Amino acid sequence: MDELIEQLKQFRDERDWKQFHNPKDLALALSIESGELLEAFLWKTPEEAEREKVKEELADVFAFALLLADAYDFDVREIVLDKIGKNAKKYPVDKAKGTSRKYDEL
């Protein structure tokens, strides 16, 4: 993960783009790229979506998410594992297995 973040930052810095990569704009870019990822599925079944387009847009989503985490000095592994732990408490297996209901409806 650290290697990916360092390569993203090197790419950014070589182009003097850090000035545009404040947390707000990174969050906006992440949202926009997420929309572009959704567009790959618009009016299609999941099987009809162009895999290359999905791959490209997913890479953009990951890139901006990693840069945003770095901007706040978050450890990606730590925050994801922490969220999994929180979700495990909200969605215990015996209540949540096989259902899409929210935790407050279990």
PDB file of N, CA and C in Angstrom:
ATOM      1  N   MET A   1       0.824  -1.189   0.000  1.00  0.00           N
ATOM      2  CA  MET A   1       0.000   0.000   0.000  1.00  0.00           C
ATOM      3  C   MET A   1       0.873   1.258   0.000  1.00  0.00           C
ATOM      4  N   ASP A   2       1.886   1.238   0.831  1.00  0.00           N
ATOM      5  CA  ASP A   2       2.785   2.403   0.902  1.00  0.00           C
ATOM      6  C   ASP A   2       3.451   2.667  -0.441  1.00  0.00           C
ATOM      7  N   GLU A   3       3.827   1.595  -1.142  1.00  0.00           N
ATOM      8  CA  GLU A   3       4.473   1.758  -2.445  1.00  0.00           C
ATOM      9  C   GLU A   3       3.518   2.413  -3.441  1.00  0.00           C
ATOM     10  N   LEU A   4       2.256   1.998  -3.427  1.00  0.00           N
ATOM     11  CA  LEU A   4       1.260   2.610  -4.311  1.00  0.00           C
ATOM     12  C   LEU A   4       1.102   4.098  -4.014  1.00  0.00           C
ATOM     13  N   ILE A   5       0.967   4.424  -2.740  1.00  0.00           N
ATOM     14  CA  ILE A   5       0.797   5.819  -2.353  1.00  0.00           C
ATOM     15  C   ILE A   5       2.006   6.643  -2.765  1.00  0.00           C
ATOM     16  N   GLU A   6       3.193   6.109  -2.562  1.00  0.00           N
ATOM     17  CA  GLU A   6       4.409   6.837  -2.951  1.00  0.00           C
ATOM     18  C   GLU A   6       4.463   7.054  -4.463  1.00  0.00           C
ATOM     19  N   GLN A   7       4.055   6.050  -5.239  1.00  0.00           N
ATOM     20  CA  GLN A   7       4.057   6.217  -6.695  1.00  0.00           C
ATOM     21  C   GLN A   7       3.016   7.248  -7.126  1.00  0.00           C
ATOM     22  N   LEU A   8       1.855   7.242  -6.485  1.00  0.00           N
ATOM     23  CA  LEU A   8       0.831   8.250  -6.788  1.00  0.00           C
ATOM     24  C   LEU A   8       1.344   9.655  -6.471  1.00  0.00           C
ATOM     25  N   LYS A   9       1.990   9.797  -5.321  1.00  0.00           N
ATOM     26  CA  LYS A   9       2.519  11.110  -4.935  1.00  0.00           C
ATOM     27  C   LYS A   9       3.634  11.561  -5.869  1.00  0.00           C
ATOM     28  N   GLN A  10       4.481  10.638  -6.291  1.00  0.00           N
ATOM     29  CA  GLN A  10       5.549  10.985  -7.222  1.00  0.00           C
ATOM     30  C   GLN A  10       4.947  11.476  -8.542  1.00  0.00           C
ATOM     31  N   PHE A  11       3.963  10.748  -9.048  1.00  0.00           N
ATOM     32  CA  PHE A  11       3.282  11.144 -10.282  1.00  0.00           C
ATOM     33  C   PHE A  11       2.687  12.540 -10.127  1.00  0.00           C
ATOM     34  N   ARG A  12       1.994  12.763  -9.007  1.00  0.00           N
ATOM     35  CA  ARG A  12       1.383  14.063  -8.709  1.00  0.00           C
ATOM     36  C   ARG A  12       2.443  15.160  -8.623  1.00  0.00           C
ATOM     37  N   ASP A  13       3.485  14.903  -7.883  1.00  0.00           N
ATOM     38  CA  ASP A  13       4.500  15.928  -7.631  1.00  0.00           C
ATOM     39  C   ASP A  13       5.289  16.285  -8.886  1.00  0.00           C
ATOM     40  N   GLU A  14       5.542  15.298  -9.743  1.00  0.00           N
ATOM     41  CA  GLU A  14       6.250  15.580 -10.992  1.00  0.00           C
ATOM     42  C   GLU A  14       5.472  16.561 -11.869  1.00  0.00           C
ATOM     43  N   ARG A  15       4.178  16.613 -11.676  1.00  0.00           N
ATOM     44  CA  ARG A  15       3.316  17.477 -12.477  1.00  0.00           C
ATOM     45  C   ARG A  15       2.870  18.730 -11.728  1.00  0.00           C
ATOM     46  N   ASP A  16       3.373  18.906 -10.497  1.00  0.00           N
ATOM     47  CA  ASP A  16       3.013  20.047  -9.661  1.00  0.00           C
ATOM     48  C   ASP A  16       1.500  20.124  -9.439  1.00  0.00           C
ATOM     49  N   TRP A  17       0.898  18.975  -9.147  1.00  0.00           N
ATOM     50  CA  TRP A  17      -0.549  18.912  -8.924  1.00  0.00           C
ATOM     51  C   TRP A  17      -0.921  18.919  -7.447  1.00  0.00           C
ATOM     52  N   LYS A  18       0.059  18.877  -6.563  1.00  0.00           N
ATOM     53  CA  LYS A  18      -0.280  18.852  -5.130  1.00  0.00           C
ATOM     54  C   LYS A  18      -1.132  20.057  -4.751  1.00  0.00           C
ATOM     55  N   GLN A  19      -0.904  21.178  -5.416  1.00  0.00           N
ATOM     56  CA  GLN A  19      -1.675  22.386  -5.154  1.00  0.00           C
ATOM     57  C   GLN A  19      -3.182  22.173  -5.368  1.00  0.00           C
ATOM     58  N   PHE A  20      -3.544  21.197  -6.170  1.00  0.00           N
ATOM     59  CA  PHE A  20      -4.951  20.907  -6.441  1.00  0.00           C
ATOM     60  C   PHE A  20      -5.495  19.767  -5.584  1.00  0.00           C
ATOM     61  N   HIS A  21      -4.612  19.124  -4.815  1.00  0.00           N
ATOM     62  CA  HIS A  21      -4.995  17.907  -4.096  1.00  0.00           C
ATOM     63  C   HIS A  21      -5.236  18.146  -2.612  1.00  0.00           C
ATOM     64  N   ASN A  22      -6.018  19.161  -2.292  1.00  0.00           N
ATOM     65  CA  ASN A  22      -6.425  19.344  -0.902  1.00  0.00           C
ATOM     66  C   ASN A  22      -7.534  18.331  -0.609  1.00  0.00           C
ATOM     67  N   PRO A  23      -7.799  18.049   0.673  1.00  0.00           N
ATOM     68  CA  PRO A  23      -8.782  17.018   1.001  1.00  0.00           C
ATOM     69  C   PRO A  23     -10.163  17.223   0.360  1.00  0.00           C
ATOM     70  N   LYS A  24     -10.640  18.457   0.319  1.00  0.00           N
ATOM     71  CA  LYS A  24     -11.955  18.705  -0.280  1.00  0.00           C
ATOM     72  C   LYS A  24     -11.959  18.315  -1.751  1.00  0.00           C
ATOM     73  N   ASP A  25     -10.948  18.767  -2.493  1.00  0.00           N
ATOM     74  CA  ASP A  25     -10.920  18.468  -3.919  1.00  0.00           C
ATOM     75  C   ASP A  25     -10.651  16.997  -4.199  1.00  0.00           C
ATOM     76  N   LEU A  26      -9.881  16.345  -3.342  1.00  0.00           N
ATOM     77  CA  LEU A  26      -9.697  14.903  -3.487  1.00  0.00           C
ATOM     78  C   LEU A  26     -11.014  14.159  -3.261  1.00  0.00           C
ATOM     79  N   ALA A  27     -11.792  14.610  -2.280  1.00  0.00           N
ATOM     80  CA  ALA A  27     -13.096  13.987  -2.022  1.00  0.00           C
ATOM     81  C   ALA A  27     -14.039  14.220  -3.205  1.00  0.00           C
ATOM     82  N   LEU A  28     -14.010  15.417  -3.766  1.00  0.00           N
ATOM     83  CA  LEU A  28     -14.832  15.693  -4.952  1.00  0.00           C
ATOM     84  C   LEU A  28     -14.405  14.814  -6.120  1.00  0.00           C
ATOM     85  N   ALA A  29     -13.105  14.706  -6.349  1.00  0.00           N
ATOM     86  CA  ALA A  29     -12.591  13.873  -7.435  1.00  0.00           C
ATOM     87  C   ALA A  29     -12.985  12.417  -7.227  1.00  0.00           C
ATOM     88  N   LEU A  30     -12.922  11.966  -5.994  1.00  0.00           N
ATOM     89  CA  LEU A  30     -13.317  10.591  -5.669  1.00  0.00           C
ATOM     90  C   LEU A  30     -14.787  10.364  -6.014  1.00  0.00           C
ATOM     91  N   SER A  31     -15.629  11.317  -5.672  1.00  0.00           N
ATOM     92  CA  SER A  31     -17.048  11.211  -5.979  1.00  0.00           C
ATOM     93  C   SER A  31     -17.287  11.208  -7.492  1.00  0.00           C
ATOM     94  N   ILE A  32     -16.603  12.066  -8.198  1.00  0.00           N
ATOM     95  CA  ILE A  32     -16.756  12.147  -9.655  1.00  0.00           C
ATOM     96  C   ILE A  32     -16.304  10.844 -10.307  1.00  0.00           C
ATOM     97  N   GLU A  33     -15.167  10.337  -9.879  1.00  0.00           N
ATOM     98  CA  GLU A  33     -14.679   9.070 -10.438  1.00  0.00           C
ATOM     99  C   GLU A  33     -15.610   7.914 -10.092  1.00  0.00           C
ATOM    100  N   SER A  34     -16.219   7.955  -8.918  1.00  0.00           N
ATOM    101  CA  SER A  34     -17.203   6.929  -8.548  1.00  0.00           C
ATOM    102  C   SER A  34     -18.400   6.990  -9.487  1.00  0.00           C
ATOM    103  N   GLY A  35     -18.803   8.214  -9.844  1.00  0.00           N
ATOM    104  CA  GLY A  35     -19.884   8.376 -10.810  1.00  0.00           C
ATOM    105  C   GLY A  35     -19.519   7.811 -12.170  1.00  0.00           C
ATOM    106  N   GLU A  36     -18.276   8.015 -12.576  1.00  0.00           N
ATOM    107  CA  GLU A  36     -17.818   7.459 -13.853  1.00  0.00           C
ATOM    108  C   GLU A  36     -17.789   5.937 -13.802  1.00  0.00           C
ATOM    109  N   LEU A  37     -17.467   5.386 -12.634  1.00  0.00           N
ATOM    110  CA  LEU A  37     -17.521   3.930 -12.468  1.00  0.00           C
ATOM    111  C   LEU A  37     -18.966   3.446 -12.620  1.00  0.00           C
ATOM    112  N   LEU A  38     -19.891   4.159 -12.006  1.00  0.00           N
ATOM    113  CA  LEU A  38     -21.304   3.789 -12.138  1.00  0.00           C
ATOM    114  C   LEU A  38     -21.769   3.861 -13.587  1.00  0.00           C
ATOM    115  N   GLU A  39     -21.265   4.856 -14.307  1.00  0.00           N
ATOM    116  CA  GLU A  39     -21.653   5.027 -15.705  1.00  0.00           C
ATOM    117  C   GLU A  39     -21.310   3.794 -16.536  1.00  0.00           C
ATOM    118  N   ALA A  40     -20.271   3.092 -16.168  1.00  0.00           N
ATOM    119  CA  ALA A  40     -19.890   1.875 -16.896  1.00  0.00           C
ATOM    120  C   ALA A  40     -20.978   0.806 -16.817  1.00  0.00           C
ATOM    121  N   PHE A  41     -21.847   0.905 -15.825  1.00  0.00           N
ATOM    122  CA  PHE A  41     -22.910  -0.081 -15.628  1.00  0.00           C
ATOM    123  C   PHE A  41     -24.288   0.417 -16.069  1.00  0.00           C
ATOM    124  N   LEU A  42     -24.373   1.688 -16.440  1.00  0.00           N
ATOM    125  CA  LEU A  42     -25.668   2.284 -16.769  1.00  0.00           C
ATOM    126  C   LEU A  42     -26.336   1.570 -17.939  1.00  0.00           C
ATOM    127  N   TRP A  43     -27.569   1.143 -17.712  1.00  0.00           N
ATOM    128  CA  TRP A  43     -28.412   0.482 -18.715  1.00  0.00           C
ATOM    129  C   TRP A  43     -27.865  -0.874 -19.147  1.00  0.00           C
ATOM    130  N   LYS A  44     -27.030  -1.463 -18.329  1.00  0.00           N
ATOM    131  CA  LYS A  44     -26.436  -2.753 -18.676  1.00  0.00           C
ATOM    132  C   LYS A  44     -26.592  -3.719 -17.511  1.00  0.00           C
ATOM    133  N   THR A  45     -26.523  -4.985 -17.820  1.00  0.00           N
ATOM    134  CA  THR A  45     -26.379  -5.967 -16.762  1.00  0.00           C
ATOM    135  C   THR A  45     -24.913  -5.935 -16.334  1.00  0.00           C
ATOM    136  N   PRO A  46     -24.589  -6.439 -15.152  1.00  0.00           N
ATOM    137  CA  PRO A  46     -23.174  -6.463 -14.752  1.00  0.00           C
ATOM    138  C   PRO A  46     -22.284  -7.161 -15.777  1.00  0.00           C
ATOM    139  N   GLU A  47     -22.804  -8.182 -16.433  1.00  0.00           N
ATOM    140  CA  GLU A  47     -22.014  -8.915 -17.416  1.00  0.00           C
ATOM    141  C   GLU A  47     -21.764  -8.101 -18.686  1.00  0.00           C
ATOM    142  N   GLU A  48     -22.643  -7.165 -18.979  1.00  0.00           N
ATOM    143  CA  GLU A  48     -22.502  -6.351 -20.187  1.00  0.00           C
ATOM    144  C   GLU A  48     -21.541  -5.175 -20.010  1.00  0.00           C
ATOM    145  N   ALA A  49     -21.234  -4.845 -18.771  1.00  0.00           N
ATOM    146  CA  ALA A  49     -20.323  -3.720 -18.528  1.00  0.00           C
ATOM    147  C   ALA A  49     -18.962  -4.032 -19.128  1.00  0.00           C
ATOM    148  N   GLU A  50     -18.372  -3.017 -19.742  1.00  0.00           N
ATOM    149  CA  GLU A  50     -17.058  -3.188 -20.357  1.00  0.00           C
ATOM    150  C   GLU A  50     -16.001  -3.289 -19.261  1.00  0.00           C
ATOM    151  N   ARG A  51     -15.395  -4.456 -19.146  1.00  0.00           N
ATOM    152  CA  ARG A  51     -14.436  -4.717 -18.059  1.00  0.00           C
ATOM    153  C   ARG A  51     -13.289  -3.712 -18.040  1.00  0.00           C
ATOM    154  N   GLU A  52     -12.793  -3.326 -19.201  1.00  0.00           N
ATOM    155  CA  GLU A  52     -11.673  -2.385 -19.262  1.00  0.00           C
ATOM    156  C   GLU A  52     -12.080  -1.028 -18.688  1.00  0.00           C
ATOM    157  N   LYS A  53     -13.290  -0.587 -18.997  1.00  0.00           N
ATOM    158  CA  LYS A  53     -13.803   0.685 -18.465  1.00  0.00           C
ATOM    159  C   LYS A  53     -13.952   0.594 -16.938  1.00  0.00           C
ATOM    160  N   VAL A  54     -14.484  -0.513 -16.461  1.00  0.00           N
ATOM    161  CA  VAL A  54     -14.628  -0.720 -15.014  1.00  0.00           C
ATOM    162  C   VAL A  54     -13.255  -0.681 -14.354  1.00  0.00           C
ATOM    163  N   LYS A  55     -12.289  -1.356 -14.936  1.00  0.00           N
ATOM    164  CA  LYS A  55     -10.930  -1.402 -14.390  1.00  0.00           C
ATOM    165  C   LYS A  55     -10.321  -0.007 -14.323  1.00  0.00           C
ATOM    166  N   GLU A  56     -10.458   0.767 -15.392  1.00  0.00           N
ATOM    167  CA  GLU A  56      -9.892   2.121 -15.448  1.00  0.00           C
ATOM    168  C   GLU A  56     -10.523   3.025 -14.387  1.00  0.00           C
ATOM    169  N   GLU A  57     -11.837   3.007 -14.295  1.00  0.00           N
ATOM    170  CA  GLU A  57     -12.523   3.891 -13.347  1.00  0.00           C
ATOM    171  C   GLU A  57     -12.288   3.443 -11.906  1.00  0.00           C
ATOM    172  N   LEU A  58     -12.226   2.145 -11.687  1.00  0.00           N
ATOM    173  CA  LEU A  58     -11.938   1.639 -10.348  1.00  0.00           C
ATOM    174  C   LEU A  58     -10.541   2.050  -9.914  1.00  0.00           C
ATOM    175  N   ALA A  59      -9.589   2.027 -10.834  1.00  0.00           N
ATOM    176  CA  ALA A  59      -8.229   2.483 -10.527  1.00  0.00           C
ATOM    177  C   ALA A  59      -8.242   3.952 -10.122  1.00  0.00           C
ATOM    178  N   ASP A  60      -9.027   4.779 -10.814  1.00  0.00           N
ATOM    179  CA  ASP A  60      -9.126   6.197 -10.446  1.00  0.00           C
ATOM    180  C   ASP A  60      -9.722   6.362  -9.056  1.00  0.00           C
ATOM    181  N   VAL A  61     -10.749   5.582  -8.749  1.00  0.00           N
ATOM    182  CA  VAL A  61     -11.374   5.636  -7.418  1.00  0.00           C
ATOM    183  C   VAL A  61     -10.351   5.276  -6.346  1.00  0.00           C
ATOM    184  N   PHE A  62      -9.634   4.188  -6.558  1.00  0.00           N
ATOM    185  CA  PHE A  62      -8.607   3.781  -5.592  1.00  0.00           C
ATOM    186  C   PHE A  62      -7.538   4.862  -5.434  1.00  0.00           C
ATOM    187  N   ALA A  63      -7.102   5.423  -6.560  1.00  0.00           N
ATOM    188  CA  ALA A  63      -6.029   6.424  -6.509  1.00  0.00           C
ATOM    189  C   ALA A  63      -6.441   7.635  -5.675  1.00  0.00           C
ATOM    190  N   PHE A  64      -7.625   8.175  -5.931  1.00  0.00           N
ATOM    191  CA  PHE A  64      -8.052   9.346  -5.170  1.00  0.00           C
ATOM    192  C   PHE A  64      -8.339   8.997  -3.712  1.00  0.00           C
ATOM    193  N   ALA A  65      -8.842   7.798  -3.450  1.00  0.00           N
ATOM    194  CA  ALA A  65      -9.074   7.390  -2.060  1.00  0.00           C
ATOM    195  C   ALA A  65      -7.751   7.278  -1.304  1.00  0.00           C
ATOM    196  N   LEU A  66      -6.749   6.712  -1.943  1.00  0.00           N
ATOM    197  CA  LEU A  66      -5.438   6.586  -1.300  1.00  0.00           C
ATOM    198  C   LEU A  66      -4.800   7.953  -1.063  1.00  0.00           C
ATOM    199  N   LEU A  67      -4.920   8.846  -2.032  1.00  0.00           N
ATOM    200  CA  LEU A  67      -4.369  10.195  -1.847  1.00  0.00           C
ATOM    201  C   LEU A  67      -5.103  10.955  -0.747  1.00  0.00           C
ATOM    202  N   LEU A  68      -6.409  10.755  -0.641  1.00  0.00           N
ATOM    203  CA  LEU A  68      -7.174  11.402   0.427  1.00  0.00           C
ATOM    204  C   LEU A  68      -6.756  10.854   1.789  1.00  0.00           C
ATOM    205  N   ALA A  69      -6.602   9.554   1.889  1.00  0.00           N
ATOM    206  CA  ALA A  69      -6.125   8.956   3.143  1.00  0.00           C
ATOM    207  C   ALA A  69      -4.755   9.506   3.508  1.00  0.00           C
ATOM    208  N   ASP A  70      -3.890   9.634   2.526  1.00  0.00           N
ATOM    209  CA  ASP A  70      -2.550  10.166   2.764  1.00  0.00           C
ATOM    210  C   ASP A  70      -2.609  11.628   3.210  1.00  0.00           C
ATOM    211  N   ALA A  71      -3.517  12.394   2.650  1.00  0.00           N
ATOM    212  CA  ALA A  71      -3.643  13.812   3.016  1.00  0.00           C
ATOM    213  C   ALA A  71      -3.966  13.970   4.503  1.00  0.00           C
ATOM    214  N   TYR A  72      -4.680  13.000   5.060  1.00  0.00           N
ATOM    215  CA  TYR A  72      -5.010  13.022   6.485  1.00  0.00           C
ATOM    216  C   TYR A  72      -4.075  12.154   7.316  1.00  0.00           C
ATOM    217  N   ASP A  73      -3.071  11.601   6.681  1.00  0.00           N
ATOM    218  CA  ASP A  73      -2.105  10.736   7.352  1.00  0.00           C
ATOM    219  C   ASP A  73      -2.783   9.520   7.985  1.00  0.00           C
ATOM    220  N   PHE A  74      -3.794   8.988   7.296  1.00  0.00           N
ATOM    221  CA  PHE A  74      -4.472   7.779   7.754  1.00  0.00           C
ATOM    222  C   PHE A  74      -3.705   6.557   7.273  1.00  0.00           C
ATOM    223  N   ASP A  75      -3.640   5.544   8.098  1.00  0.00           N
ATOM    224  CA  ASP A  75      -3.105   4.249   7.708  1.00  0.00           C
ATOM    225  C   ASP A  75      -4.273   3.468   7.107  1.00  0.00           C
ATOM    226  N   VAL A  76      -4.228   3.212   5.809  1.00  0.00           N
ATOM    227  CA  VAL A  76      -5.351   2.591   5.106  1.00  0.00           C
ATOM    228  C   VAL A  76      -5.709   1.241   5.717  1.00  0.00           C
ATOM    229  N   ARG A  77      -4.729   0.423   5.969  1.00  0.00           N
ATOM    230  CA  ARG A  77      -4.983  -0.896   6.563  1.00  0.00           C
ATOM    231  C   ARG A  77      -5.689  -0.744   7.903  1.00  0.00           C
ATOM    232  N   GLU A  78      -5.202   0.167   8.721  1.00  0.00           N
ATOM    233  CA  GLU A  78      -5.775   0.382  10.049  1.00  0.00           C
ATOM    234  C   GLU A  78      -7.216   0.870   9.977  1.00  0.00           C
ATOM    235  N   ILE A  79      -7.505   1.847   9.116  1.00  0.00           N
ATOM    236  CA  ILE A  79      -8.869   2.380   9.096  1.00  0.00           C
ATOM    237  C   ILE A  79      -9.863   1.383   8.503  1.00  0.00           C
ATOM    238  N   VAL A  80      -9.413   0.578   7.536  1.00  0.00           N
ATOM    239  CA  VAL A  80     -10.310  -0.431   6.975  1.00  0.00           C
ATOM    240  C   VAL A  80     -10.582  -1.529   8.002  1.00  0.00           C
ATOM    241  N   LEU A  81      -9.546  -1.997   8.691  1.00  0.00           N
ATOM    242  CA  LEU A  81      -9.750  -3.022   9.721  1.00  0.00           C
ATOM    243  C   LEU A  81     -10.621  -2.497  10.855  1.00  0.00           C
ATOM    244  N   ASP A  82     -10.442  -1.237  11.234  1.00  0.00           N
ATOM    245  CA  ASP A  82     -11.276  -0.620  12.264  1.00  0.00           C
ATOM    246  C   ASP A  82     -12.738  -0.599  11.830  1.00  0.00           C
ATOM    247  N   LYS A  83     -12.983  -0.247  10.578  1.00  0.00           N
ATOM    248  CA  LYS A  83     -14.355  -0.200  10.064  1.00  0.00           C
ATOM    249  C   LYS A  83     -14.965  -1.592  10.008  1.00  0.00           C
ATOM    250  N   ILE A  84     -14.179  -2.588   9.625  1.00  0.00           N
ATOM    251  CA  ILE A  84     -14.680  -3.969   9.629  1.00  0.00           C
ATOM    252  C   ILE A  84     -15.111  -4.354  11.040  1.00  0.00           C
ATOM    253  N   GLY A  85     -14.303  -3.991  12.044  1.00  0.00           N
ATOM    254  CA  GLY A  85     -14.651  -4.290  13.438  1.00  0.00           C
ATOM    255  C   GLY A  85     -15.941  -3.609  13.860  1.00  0.00           C
ATOM    256  N   LYS A  86     -16.107  -2.343  13.498  1.00  0.00           N
ATOM    257  CA  LYS A  86     -17.342  -1.617  13.827  1.00  0.00           C
ATOM    258  C   LYS A  86     -18.545  -2.253  13.149  1.00  0.00           C
ATOM    259  N   ASN A  87     -18.373  -2.615  11.871  1.00  0.00           N
ATOM    260  CA  ASN A  87     -19.480  -3.240  11.141  1.00  0.00           C
ATOM    261  C   ASN A  87     -19.822  -4.614  11.702  1.00  0.00           C
ATOM    262  N   ALA A  88     -18.823  -5.349  12.190  1.00  0.00           N
ATOM    263  CA  ALA A  88     -19.086  -6.662  12.786  1.00  0.00           C
ATOM    264  C   ALA A  88     -19.994  -6.529  14.007  1.00  0.00           C
ATOM    265  N   LYS A  89     -19.826  -5.434  14.758  1.00  0.00           N
ATOM    266  CA  LYS A  89     -20.692  -5.205  15.921  1.00  0.00           C
ATOM    267  C   LYS A  89     -22.096  -4.794  15.502  1.00  0.00           C
ATOM    268  N   LYS A  90     -22.192  -3.982  14.444  1.00  0.00           N
ATOM    269  CA  LYS A  90     -23.492  -3.517  13.970  1.00  0.00           C
ATOM    270  C   LYS A  90     -24.259  -4.614  13.233  1.00  0.00           C
ATOM    271  N   TYR A  91     -23.509  -5.529  12.615  1.00  0.00           N
ATOM    272  CA  TYR A  91     -24.115  -6.578  11.797  1.00  0.00           C
ATOM    273  C   TYR A  91     -23.644  -7.954  12.262  1.00  0.00           C
ATOM    274  N   PRO A  92     -24.094  -8.398  13.443  1.00  0.00           N
ATOM    275  CA  PRO A  92     -23.681  -9.739  13.905  1.00  0.00           C
ATOM    276  C   PRO A  92     -24.181 -10.809  12.935  1.00  0.00           C
ATOM    277  N   VAL A  93     -23.356 -11.819  12.726  1.00  0.00           N
ATOM    278  CA  VAL A  93     -23.663 -12.869  11.757  1.00  0.00           C
ATOM    279  C   VAL A  93     -25.036 -13.470  11.999  1.00  0.00           C
ATOM    280  N   ASP A  94     -25.364 -13.758  13.258  1.00  0.00           N
ATOM    281  CA  ASP A  94     -26.631 -14.431  13.537  1.00  0.00           C
ATOM    282  C   ASP A  94     -27.844 -13.591  13.155  1.00  0.00           C
ATOM    283  N   LYS A  95     -27.704 -12.275  13.029  1.00  0.00           N
ATOM    284  CA  LYS A  95     -28.822 -11.412  12.639  1.00  0.00           C
ATOM    285  C   LYS A  95     -28.718 -10.934  11.199  1.00  0.00           C
ATOM    286  N   ALA A  96     -27.520 -10.778  10.698  1.00  0.00           N
ATOM    287  CA  ALA A  96     -27.336 -10.143   9.396  1.00  0.00           C
ATOM    288  C   ALA A  96     -27.139 -11.123   8.238  1.00  0.00           C
ATOM    289  N   LYS A  97     -26.844 -12.357   8.525  1.00  0.00           N
ATOM    290  CA  LYS A  97     -26.517 -13.307   7.458  1.00  0.00           C
ATOM    291  C   LYS A  97     -27.681 -13.462   6.479  1.00  0.00           C
ATOM    292  N   GLY A  98     -27.382 -13.213   5.209  1.00  0.00           N
ATOM    293  CA  GLY A  98     -28.371 -13.427   4.153  1.00  0.00           C
ATOM    294  C   GLY A  98     -29.392 -12.323   3.975  1.00  0.00           C
ATOM    295  N   THR A  99     -29.267 -11.225   4.709  1.00  0.00           N
ATOM    296  CA  THR A  99     -30.226 -10.140   4.572  1.00  0.00           C
ATOM    297  C   THR A  99     -29.507  -8.836   4.228  1.00  0.00           C
ATOM    298  N   SER A 100     -30.209  -7.968   3.535  1.00  0.00           N
ATOM    299  CA  SER A 100     -29.634  -6.678   3.164  1.00  0.00           C
ATOM    300  C   SER A 100     -30.162  -5.552   4.055  1.00  0.00           C
ATOM    301  N   ARG A 101     -30.883  -5.918   5.114  1.00  0.00           N
ATOM    302  CA  ARG A 101     -31.429  -4.887   5.999  1.00  0.00           C
ATOM    303  C   ARG A 101     -30.317  -4.151   6.747  1.00  0.00           C
ATOM    304  N   LYS A 102     -30.600  -2.883   7.022  1.00  0.00           N
ATOM    305  CA  LYS A 102     -29.651  -2.065   7.786  1.00  0.00           C
ATOM    306  C   LYS A 102     -29.614  -2.549   9.234  1.00  0.00           C
ATOM    307  N   TYR A 103     -28.541  -2.187   9.919  1.00  0.00           N
ATOM    308  CA  TYR A 103     -28.328  -2.644  11.294  1.00  0.00           C
ATOM    309  C   TYR A 103     -29.473  -2.265  12.229  1.00  0.00           C
ATOM    310  N   ASP A 104     -30.122  -1.137  11.988  1.00  0.00           N
ATOM    311  CA  ASP A 104     -31.203  -0.715  12.884  1.00  0.00           C
ATOM    312  C   ASP A 104     -32.528  -1.413  12.564  1.00  0.00           C
ATOM    313  N   GLU A 105     -32.516  -2.264  11.545  1.00  0.00           N
ATOM    314  CA  GLU A 105     -33.707  -3.043  11.194  1.00  0.00           C
ATOM    315  C   GLU A 105     -33.550  -4.538  11.495  1.00  0.00           C
ATOM    316  N   LEU A 106     -32.405  -4.913  12.032  1.00  0.00           N
ATOM    317  CA  LEU A 106     -32.150  -6.336  12.309  1.00  0.00           C
ATOM    318  C   LEU A 106     -32.863  -6.775  13.582  1.00  0.00           C
TER     319      LEU A 106
END
